[in-house]
């Protein structure tokens, strides 16, 4: 099962790296940049339409039941992570824009697919993981921009203007709501075409990444980011993930959650969504800054997949092994 999960993500990781490489060598400029920018905006709309169409009404209702677990995941995602992000960015370790990217990373919602997949491998409460991860993504459409305004404006890094708020509504929230309302007509069609939906989902992300990195490269991205910066950024992402994994595991014990629910808190609470982060960054930040801002998100995404795959496998093996 673990190999199947990793087989799903590995090609996407390679495609992300290839997209960054292409954007570094052949960034879109002039009319091409305008065209790709419009295509990326359309991709964001389609992406959030599909997110809304895939989220069942039952998941929303069920998400209101296990209040203690979902509140713990929400607090980890939108309270603990941002506090850690503020602490990291207060240290003079990175270029200010990369530091802003680290802070932005900590403000994102949890993932859906990988949180559920790893919970399943670890023999956790899959139904609760579906509800918690889905609720986190739904809340993130509103909570993440609000946190950006509250925590990043003071540092002079970003804030949500009236035009950006309009962009959030038109590009993120409205397509999500329309997609969810369309479920009576689209849910069955989407369920039968999961591979097509996955292709569109990831294709939209790759398009936004290419456009964002292309604009950043044209603005001198790789002249500002050195190998040492990348090394420090990787170390920061690794330490950040390790701290949150430890915190969620000990929090589950303190809350006396059942083992199956503790696994949900561990995986849903420690994840950050690339699928939501890239489009949201595209709406909130100037085009030339998006590439540097999402670089920490992309690095953290790969680290969390590798680390959580190992942890999920060990937890699953421990659950299936006979007890003395």
Protein backbone atom coordinates (compact mmCIF):
# COMPACT_ATOMS: atom_id res chain seq x y z
CA UNK A 1 0.00 0.00 0.00
CA UNK A 2 2.84 2.38 0.86
CA UNK A 3 4.43 1.81 -2.54
CA UNK A 4 1.14 2.64 -4.23
CA UNK A 5 0.85 5.91 -2.33
CA UNK A 6 4.43 6.90 -3.11
CA UNK A 7 3.93 5.95 -6.74
CA UNK A 8 1.12 8.49 -6.94
CA UNK A 9 3.22 11.34 -5.57
CA UNK A 10 6.64 10.63 -7.03
CA UNK A 11 5.77 11.60 -10.63
CA UNK A 12 4.23 14.83 -9.39
CA UNK A 13 7.36 15.66 -7.41
CA UNK A 14 9.44 15.11 -10.55
CA UNK A 15 7.03 17.23 -12.60
CA UNK A 16 7.30 20.05 -10.06
CA UNK A 17 11.07 19.97 -10.27
CA UNK A 18 10.94 19.87 -14.07
CA UNK A 19 8.52 22.81 -14.10
CA UNK A 20 10.87 24.87 -11.93
CA UNK A 21 13.79 23.96 -14.20
CA UNK A 22 11.90 24.94 -17.36
CA UNK A 23 10.75 28.20 -15.76
CA UNK A 24 14.36 28.92 -14.79
CA UNK A 25 15.62 28.38 -18.34
CA UNK A 26 12.64 29.60 -20.37
CA UNK A 27 10.56 31.98 -18.24
CA UNK A 28 7.49 33.45 -19.95
CA UNK A 29 8.08 37.10 -20.87
CA UNK A 30 6.08 39.79 -22.64
CA UNK A 31 2.87 38.58 -24.27
CA UNK A 32 3.64 34.99 -23.23
CA UNK A 33 3.75 36.05 -19.58
CA UNK A 34 0.34 37.70 -19.95
CA UNK A 35 -1.11 34.61 -21.62
CA UNK A 36 0.29 32.24 -19.02
CA UNK A 37 -0.94 34.53 -16.25
CA UNK A 38 -4.48 34.40 -17.58
CA UNK A 39 -4.26 30.63 -18.04
CA UNK A 40 -3.01 30.29 -14.46
CA UNK A 41 -5.95 32.35 -13.19
CA UNK A 42 -8.33 30.07 -15.10
CA UNK A 43 -6.53 27.05 -13.66
CA UNK A 44 -7.02 28.38 -10.12
CA UNK A 45 -10.75 28.82 -10.73
CA UNK A 46 -11.04 25.27 -12.10
CA UNK A 47 -8.96 23.88 -9.25
CA UNK A 48 -11.20 25.31 -6.54
CA UNK A 49 -14.34 24.38 -8.46
CA UNK A 50 -13.17 20.76 -8.36
CA UNK A 51 -12.29 21.03 -4.66
CA UNK A 52 -15.84 22.19 -3.97
CA UNK A 53 -17.39 19.51 -6.16
CA UNK A 54 -15.38 16.76 -4.44
CA UNK A 55 -16.35 17.78 -0.90
CA UNK A 56 -19.49 15.95 0.14
CA UNK A 57 -22.17 17.46 2.35
CA UNK A 58 -21.78 14.48 4.66
CA UNK A 59 -18.10 15.35 5.25
CA UNK A 60 -19.09 18.84 6.36
CA UNK A 61 -21.78 17.54 8.73
CA UNK A 62 -19.56 14.79 10.14
CA UNK A 63 -16.81 17.34 10.65
CA UNK A 64 -18.95 19.02 13.29
CA UNK A 65 -19.26 15.89 15.46
CA UNK A 66 -15.79 15.01 16.75
CA UNK A 67 -15.29 18.51 18.10
CA UNK A 68 -12.28 17.83 20.30
CA UNK A 69 -10.24 16.16 17.55
CA UNK A 70 -11.08 18.68 14.83
CA UNK A 71 -10.48 21.60 17.19
CA UNK A 72 -7.03 20.18 17.96
CA UNK A 73 -6.21 19.86 14.25
CA UNK A 74 -7.49 23.38 13.59
CA UNK A 75 -5.45 24.80 16.50
CA UNK A 76 -2.31 23.06 15.28
CA UNK A 77 -2.80 24.22 11.69
CA UNK A 78 -3.81 27.81 12.32
CA UNK A 79 -2.36 28.62 15.77
CA UNK A 80 0.72 26.49 16.54
CA UNK A 81 2.14 26.59 13.02
CA UNK A 82 1.79 30.41 12.68
CA UNK A 83 3.41 30.94 16.09
CA UNK A 84 6.35 28.81 15.00
CA UNK A 85 6.45 30.72 11.72
CA UNK A 86 6.65 34.04 13.55
CA UNK A 87 9.47 32.70 15.70
CA UNK A 88 11.44 31.48 12.68
CA UNK A 89 11.03 34.69 10.70
CA UNK A 90 12.21 36.73 13.70
CA UNK A 91 15.62 35.09 13.28
CA UNK A 92 18.00 36.65 10.72
CA UNK A 93 18.47 33.41 8.79
CA UNK A 94 16.93 34.10 5.37
CA UNK A 95 16.30 36.71 2.72
CA UNK A 96 13.22 38.70 3.85
CA UNK A 97 11.12 37.37 0.98
CA UNK A 98 12.09 33.75 1.68
CA UNK A 99 11.32 34.39 5.34
CA UNK A 100 7.92 35.70 4.25
CA UNK A 101 7.49 32.44 2.33
CA UNK A 102 8.21 30.42 5.47
CA UNK A 103 5.65 32.45 7.41
CA UNK A 104 3.14 32.06 4.58
CA UNK A 105 3.76 28.29 4.62
CA UNK A 106 2.76 28.14 8.30
CA UNK A 107 -0.53 29.93 7.55
CA UNK A 108 -1.78 27.37 5.00
CA UNK A 109 -4.46 24.72 5.57
CA UNK A 110 -3.76 21.01 5.80
CA UNK A 111 -3.61 18.66 2.83
CA UNK A 112 -6.47 16.32 1.96
CA UNK A 113 -5.21 13.41 -0.14
CA UNK A 114 -1.93 12.67 1.65
CA UNK A 115 -3.41 13.18 5.15
CA UNK A 116 -6.10 10.61 4.41
CA UNK A 117 -3.69 8.22 2.68
CA UNK A 118 -1.17 8.21 5.53
CA UNK A 119 -3.91 7.91 8.15
CA UNK A 120 -5.15 4.83 6.32
CA UNK A 121 -1.65 3.28 6.15
CA UNK A 122 -1.15 3.91 9.88
CA UNK A 123 -4.52 2.26 10.71
CA UNK A 124 -6.04 5.51 11.97
CA UNK A 125 -9.57 6.92 11.85
CA UNK A 126 -9.94 7.50 8.11
CA UNK A 127 -13.44 8.96 8.33
CA UNK A 128 -12.26 11.55 10.85
CA UNK A 129 -9.25 12.34 8.66
CA UNK A 130 -11.54 13.00 5.69
CA UNK A 131 -13.66 15.37 7.78
CA UNK A 132 -10.74 17.15 9.46
CA UNK A 133 -8.66 17.65 6.31
CA UNK A 134 -11.69 18.77 4.29
CA UNK A 135 -12.73 21.24 6.98
CA UNK A 136 -9.17 22.60 7.15
CA UNK A 137 -9.11 23.24 3.41
CA UNK A 138 -12.54 24.85 3.48
CA UNK A 139 -11.57 27.10 6.39
CA UNK A 140 -8.25 27.94 4.76
CA UNK A 141 -9.91 29.81 1.92
CA UNK A 142 -10.93 32.46 4.46
CA UNK A 143 -8.58 31.92 7.42
CA UNK A 144 -5.29 31.96 5.49
CA UNK A 145 -5.88 35.40 3.87
CA UNK A 146 -7.00 36.75 7.24
CA UNK A 147 -3.85 35.45 8.91
CA UNK A 148 -1.75 36.96 6.12
CA UNK A 149 -3.35 40.32 6.86
CA UNK A 150 -2.88 40.02 10.62
CA UNK A 151 0.63 38.53 10.73
CA UNK A 152 2.37 39.70 7.57
CA UNK A 153 1.11 43.25 7.16
CA UNK A 154 2.95 44.43 10.27
CA UNK A 155 6.21 43.19 8.78
CA UNK A 156 5.54 45.10 5.59
CA UNK A 157 5.45 41.86 3.63
CA UNK A 158 1.88 41.51 2.45
CA UNK A 159 -1.67 42.44 3.20
CA UNK A 160 -5.05 41.76 1.68
CA UNK A 161 -6.19 44.81 -0.26
CA UNK A 162 -9.68 45.35 -1.62
CA UNK A 163 -8.57 44.09 -5.03
CA UNK A 164 -7.00 40.98 -3.46
CA UNK A 165 -10.12 40.35 -1.40
CA UNK A 166 -12.10 40.50 -4.62
CA UNK A 167 -9.65 38.05 -6.16
CA UNK A 168 -10.09 35.67 -3.23
CA UNK A 169 -13.85 35.76 -3.65
CA UNK A 170 -13.87 35.45 -7.45
CA UNK A 171 -10.99 32.98 -7.89
CA UNK A 172 -11.20 30.86 -4.74
CA UNK A 173 -14.40 31.13 -2.73
CA UNK A 174 -16.98 31.55 -5.51
CA UNK A 175 -15.69 28.60 -7.63
CA UNK A 176 -15.56 26.45 -4.49
CA UNK A 177 -19.17 27.29 -3.58
CA UNK A 178 -20.39 26.83 -7.16
CA UNK A 179 -18.55 23.52 -7.37
CA UNK A 180 -20.11 22.31 -4.13
CA UNK A 181 -23.60 23.39 -5.21
CA UNK A 182 -23.10 21.56 -8.50
CA UNK A 183 -22.62 18.19 -6.76
CA UNK A 184 -26.10 16.87 -7.68
CA UNK A 185 -25.01 17.05 -11.33
CA UNK A 186 -21.21 16.70 -11.16
CA UNK A 187 -20.45 14.38 -8.20
CA UNK A 188 -21.15 11.17 -10.13
CA UNK A 189 -19.24 12.34 -13.21
CA UNK A 190 -16.22 13.33 -11.09
CA UNK A 191 -16.29 10.05 -9.14
CA UNK A 192 -16.05 8.08 -12.40
CA UNK A 193 -13.19 10.18 -13.76
CA UNK A 194 -10.77 10.43 -10.84
CA UNK A 195 -7.69 10.21 -13.06
CA UNK A 196 -8.92 13.08 -15.24
CA UNK A 197 -9.71 15.19 -12.19
CA UNK A 198 -6.26 14.45 -10.75
CA UNK A 199 -4.65 15.49 -14.03
CA UNK A 200 -6.58 18.77 -14.10
CA UNK A 201 -5.88 19.32 -10.40
CA UNK A 202 -2.12 18.88 -10.70
CA UNK A 203 -1.92 20.48 -14.13
CA UNK A 204 -3.40 23.66 -12.68
CA UNK A 205 -0.79 23.68 -9.92
CA UNK A 206 2.05 23.14 -12.40
CA UNK A 207 0.76 25.98 -14.57
CA UNK A 208 0.66 28.37 -11.61
CA UNK A 209 4.13 27.24 -10.49
CA UNK A 210 5.56 27.80 -13.99
CA UNK A 211 4.02 31.26 -14.21
CA UNK A 212 5.11 32.22 -10.69
CA UNK A 213 8.66 30.93 -11.01
CA UNK A 214 9.01 32.39 -14.48
CA UNK A 215 8.10 35.84 -13.17
CA UNK A 216 10.46 35.38 -10.21
CA UNK A 217 13.33 34.26 -12.46
CA UNK A 218 12.79 37.28 -14.70
CA UNK A 219 13.01 39.38 -11.54
CA UNK A 220 16.34 37.78 -10.53
CA UNK A 221 15.25 34.89 -8.31
CA UNK A 222 18.37 32.75 -8.69
CA UNK A 223 20.63 35.77 -8.18
CA UNK A 224 19.01 36.29 -4.79
CA UNK A 225 18.74 32.66 -3.65
CA UNK A 226 22.09 30.90 -3.13
CA UNK A 227 22.90 27.27 -2.41
CA UNK A 228 23.45 28.23 1.22
CA UNK A 229 19.96 29.79 1.33
CA UNK A 230 18.46 26.56 0.01
CA UNK A 231 20.37 24.54 2.59
CA UNK A 232 19.13 26.76 5.43
CA UNK A 233 15.60 26.62 4.04
CA UNK A 234 15.67 22.81 3.89
CA UNK A 235 16.92 22.66 7.48
CA UNK A 236 14.18 25.06 8.64
CA UNK A 237 11.46 23.02 6.92
CA UNK A 238 12.80 19.80 8.42
CA UNK A 239 12.97 21.19 11.95
CA UNK A 240 9.54 22.80 11.61
CA UNK A 241 7.97 19.50 10.57
CA UNK A 242 9.76 17.57 13.36
CA UNK A 243 8.56 20.03 16.02
CA UNK A 244 4.94 19.87 14.87
CA UNK A 245 4.97 16.07 14.58
CA UNK A 246 6.26 15.80 18.15
CA UNK A 247 3.80 18.43 19.41
CA UNK A 248 0.77 16.72 17.84
CA UNK A 249 1.75 13.31 19.19
CA UNK A 250 2.20 14.60 22.76
CA UNK A 251 -0.96 16.73 22.46
CA UNK A 252 -2.94 13.61 21.52
CA UNK A 253 -1.67 11.92 24.69
CA UNK A 254 -2.50 14.97 26.81
CA UNK A 255 -6.02 15.03 25.36
CA UNK A 256 -6.29 11.25 25.87
CA UNK A 257 -7.39 10.71 22.30
CA UNK A 258 -7.86 7.12 21.13
CA UNK A 259 -4.95 5.82 19.05
CA UNK A 260 -6.96 6.08 15.81
CA UNK A 261 -7.78 9.74 16.50
CA UNK A 262 -4.22 10.50 17.63
CA UNK A 263 -3.04 9.38 14.19
CA UNK A 264 -5.48 11.82 12.57
CA UNK A 265 -4.09 14.68 14.66
CA UNK A 266 -0.54 13.60 13.81
CA UNK A 267 -1.01 13.57 10.04
CA UNK A 268 -3.73 16.20 9.46
CA UNK A 269 -2.15 18.60 11.94
CA UNK A 270 1.38 18.39 10.53
CA UNK A 271 0.56 18.88 6.83
CA UNK A 272 0.54 22.01 4.70
CA UNK A 273 -1.26 22.06 1.37
CA UNK A 274 0.69 22.82 -1.80
CA UNK A 275 -2.55 22.55 -3.78
CA UNK A 276 -4.09 25.42 -1.80
CA UNK A 277 -0.88 27.33 -1.11
CA UNK A 278 0.19 27.96 -4.70
CA UNK A 279 -3.15 29.45 -5.87
CA UNK A 280 -3.60 31.51 -2.70
CA UNK A 281 -0.08 32.93 -3.05
CA UNK A 282 -0.86 33.79 -6.67
CA UNK A 283 -3.80 35.89 -5.49
CA UNK A 284 -2.16 37.54 -2.47
CA UNK A 285 1.36 38.37 -3.68
CA UNK A 286 2.75 40.34 -6.65
CA UNK A 287 3.67 38.10 -9.58
CA UNK A 288 7.42 38.74 -9.24
CA UNK A 289 7.34 37.66 -5.55
CA UNK A 290 5.24 34.51 -5.81
CA UNK A 291 8.13 32.28 -6.91
CA UNK A 292 10.20 33.00 -3.80
CA UNK A 293 7.16 32.87 -1.52
CA UNK A 294 6.10 29.39 -2.66
CA UNK A 295 9.64 27.95 -2.65
CA UNK A 296 9.42 27.05 1.08
CA UNK A 297 5.97 25.54 0.47
CA UNK A 298 7.34 23.29 -2.28
CA UNK A 299 10.31 22.15 -0.17
CA UNK A 300 8.15 21.48 2.89
CA UNK A 301 5.72 19.52 0.69
CA UNK A 302 8.43 17.04 -0.36
CA UNK A 303 9.83 16.67 3.16
CA UNK A 304 6.44 16.02 4.71
CA UNK A 305 5.64 13.31 2.15
CA UNK A 306 8.90 11.45 2.75
CA UNK A 307 8.84 11.72 6.56
CA UNK A 308 5.16 10.90 6.97
CA UNK A 309 5.40 7.92 4.62
CA UNK A 310 8.03 6.37 6.90
CA UNK A 311 6.06 7.20 10.07
CA UNK A 312 2.79 5.88 8.64
CA UNK A 313 4.40 2.60 7.63
CA UNK A 314 5.87 2.05 11.10
CA UNK A 315 2.61 2.90 12.84
CA UNK A 316 0.75 0.54 10.52
CA UNK A 317 3.21 -2.27 11.17
CA UNK A 318 2.97 -1.69 14.91
CA UNK A 319 -0.83 -1.87 14.75
CA UNK A 320 -0.85 -5.10 12.76
CA UNK A 321 1.82 -6.90 14.78
CA UNK A 322 0.51 -9.28 17.50
CA UNK A 323 0.76 -8.00 21.04
CA UNK A 324 2.26 -10.17 23.78
